[in-house]
Amino acid sequence: MKHPYLPGFILQELNRNPEFVIKLQENQGFPDLEKFKAEVNLEIDNGILKPIEGEQLFINVLSLSIFPFIAKPLIKVFLKSSDKEYKQLMNDRKTEVSDFIINSIKA
């Protein structure tokens, strides 16, 4: 919410310069997919999560989080929402996405 144009900027840079992601990986906050997959597998083994590939879960979380910002004009038209309504919708997504993901993977 603080940086709604960041996903679009990153996608634009990736399309313009595919090596841009290598620079992103150097960032300390860049996701470690191998660690994520190991944690997912551990939770599956412990019966906490339904079986799911870590890559698929990562893509689901990423998609559900980023797409609404990239598709803002499309979403606003389809939902006939004002800027204020769209902002509220995005605030509501904080819990909606969490609940959706948790309910889709918990055993």
Protein backbone atom coordinates (compact mmCIF):
# COMPACT_ATOMS: atom_id res chain seq x y z
CA MET A 1 0.00 0.00 0.00
CA LYS A 2 2.90 2.37 0.73
CA HIS A 3 4.45 1.79 -2.72
CA PRO A 4 1.61 0.87 -5.12
CA TYR A 5 3.70 1.57 -8.23
CA LEU A 6 6.62 -0.66 -7.18
CA PRO A 7 5.25 -3.92 -8.69
CA GLY A 8 4.63 -2.22 -12.03
CA PHE A 9 8.05 -0.61 -11.98
CA ILE A 10 9.75 -3.93 -11.25
CA LEU A 11 7.84 -5.66 -14.06
CA GLN A 12 8.70 -2.86 -16.45
CA GLU A 13 12.38 -3.15 -15.53
CA LEU A 14 12.30 -6.94 -15.88
CA ASN A 15 10.81 -6.60 -19.36
CA ARG A 16 13.32 -3.94 -20.33
CA ASN A 17 16.31 -5.57 -18.66
CA PRO A 18 15.86 -9.24 -17.59
CA GLU A 19 19.16 -9.11 -15.69
CA PHE A 20 17.49 -6.63 -13.31
CA VAL A 21 16.35 -9.56 -11.15
CA ILE A 22 20.00 -10.40 -10.43
CA LYS A 23 20.37 -6.97 -8.85
CA LEU A 24 17.18 -7.56 -6.89
CA GLN A 25 18.54 -10.85 -5.53
CA GLU A 26 21.44 -8.97 -3.97
CA ASN A 27 18.94 -7.13 -1.76
CA GLN A 28 18.94 -8.48 1.79
CA GLY A 29 15.14 -8.66 1.84
CA PHE A 30 14.90 -10.73 -1.35
CA PRO A 31 13.00 -14.00 -0.72
CA ASP A 32 15.08 -17.15 -0.29
CA LEU A 33 12.95 -19.65 -2.19
CA GLU A 34 14.98 -22.67 -1.07
CA LYS A 35 14.47 -21.76 2.58
CA PHE A 36 10.78 -21.14 1.93
CA LYS A 37 10.38 -24.54 0.21
CA ALA A 38 12.16 -26.28 3.09
CA GLU A 39 9.82 -24.63 5.61
CA VAL A 40 6.77 -25.59 3.56
CA ASN A 41 7.98 -29.20 3.33
CA LEU A 42 8.62 -29.31 7.07
CA GLU A 43 5.08 -28.10 7.79
CA ILE A 44 3.69 -30.67 5.34
CA ASP A 45 5.69 -33.42 7.04
CA ASN A 46 4.36 -32.26 10.43
CA GLY A 47 0.76 -32.44 9.15
CA ILE A 48 0.20 -28.69 9.47
CA LEU A 49 -0.13 -28.02 5.73
CA LYS A 50 -1.74 -29.89 2.87
CA PRO A 51 0.76 -31.13 0.32
CA ILE A 52 1.72 -28.29 -2.00
CA GLU A 53 4.86 -27.48 -3.90
CA GLY A 54 6.67 -24.54 -2.33
CA GLU A 55 7.06 -22.90 -5.73
CA GLN A 56 3.30 -23.01 -6.28
CA LEU A 57 2.57 -21.53 -2.87
CA PHE A 58 5.14 -18.79 -3.45
CA ILE A 59 3.61 -17.93 -6.84
CA ASN A 60 0.11 -17.89 -5.31
CA VAL A 61 1.13 -15.49 -2.56
CA LEU A 62 3.05 -13.29 -4.98
CA SER A 63 0.21 -13.22 -7.51
CA LEU A 64 -2.51 -12.46 -5.00
CA SER A 65 -0.41 -9.65 -3.55
CA ILE A 66 0.92 -7.99 -6.69
CA PHE A 67 -1.77 -8.40 -9.33
CA PRO A 68 -4.31 -5.99 -7.77
CA PHE A 69 -1.78 -3.16 -7.96
CA ILE A 70 -0.71 -3.93 -11.51
CA ALA A 71 -4.32 -4.29 -12.64
CA LYS A 72 -5.65 -1.29 -10.72
CA PRO A 73 -7.25 0.40 -13.75
CA LEU A 74 -8.90 -2.84 -14.83
CA ILE A 75 -10.15 -3.65 -11.34
CA LYS A 76 -11.53 -0.15 -10.82
CA VAL A 77 -13.48 -0.33 -14.09
CA PHE A 78 -14.86 -3.82 -13.47
CA LEU A 79 -15.86 -2.98 -9.91
CA LYS A 80 -16.96 0.56 -10.79
CA SER A 81 -14.99 1.79 -7.80
CA SER A 82 -13.59 5.20 -6.93
CA ASP A 83 -10.02 5.73 -5.76
CA LYS A 84 -11.29 5.73 -2.19
CA GLU A 85 -13.21 2.47 -2.68
CA TYR A 86 -10.22 0.85 -4.38
CA LYS A 87 -7.96 1.87 -1.49
CA GLN A 88 -10.41 0.33 0.99
CA LEU A 89 -10.56 -2.82 -1.13
CA MET A 90 -6.76 -3.09 -0.99
CA ASN A 91 -6.79 -2.55 2.77
CA ASP A 92 -9.36 -5.34 3.09
CA ARG A 93 -7.14 -7.62 0.97
CA LYS A 94 -4.55 -7.69 3.75
CA THR A 95 -6.73 -10.09 5.70
CA GLU A 96 -8.58 -11.55 2.71
CA VAL A 97 -5.40 -12.83 1.07
CA SER A 98 -4.03 -14.17 4.36
CA ASP A 99 -7.28 -15.98 5.12
CA PHE A 100 -7.52 -17.32 1.57
CA ILE A 101 -3.98 -18.71 1.58
CA ILE A 102 -4.25 -20.17 5.08
CA ASN A 103 -7.58 -21.83 4.34
CA SER A 104 -6.26 -23.28 1.10
CA ILE A 105 -3.19 -24.95 2.64
CA LYS A 106 -4.01 -25.89 6.22
CA ALA A 107 -4.45 -29.57 6.77
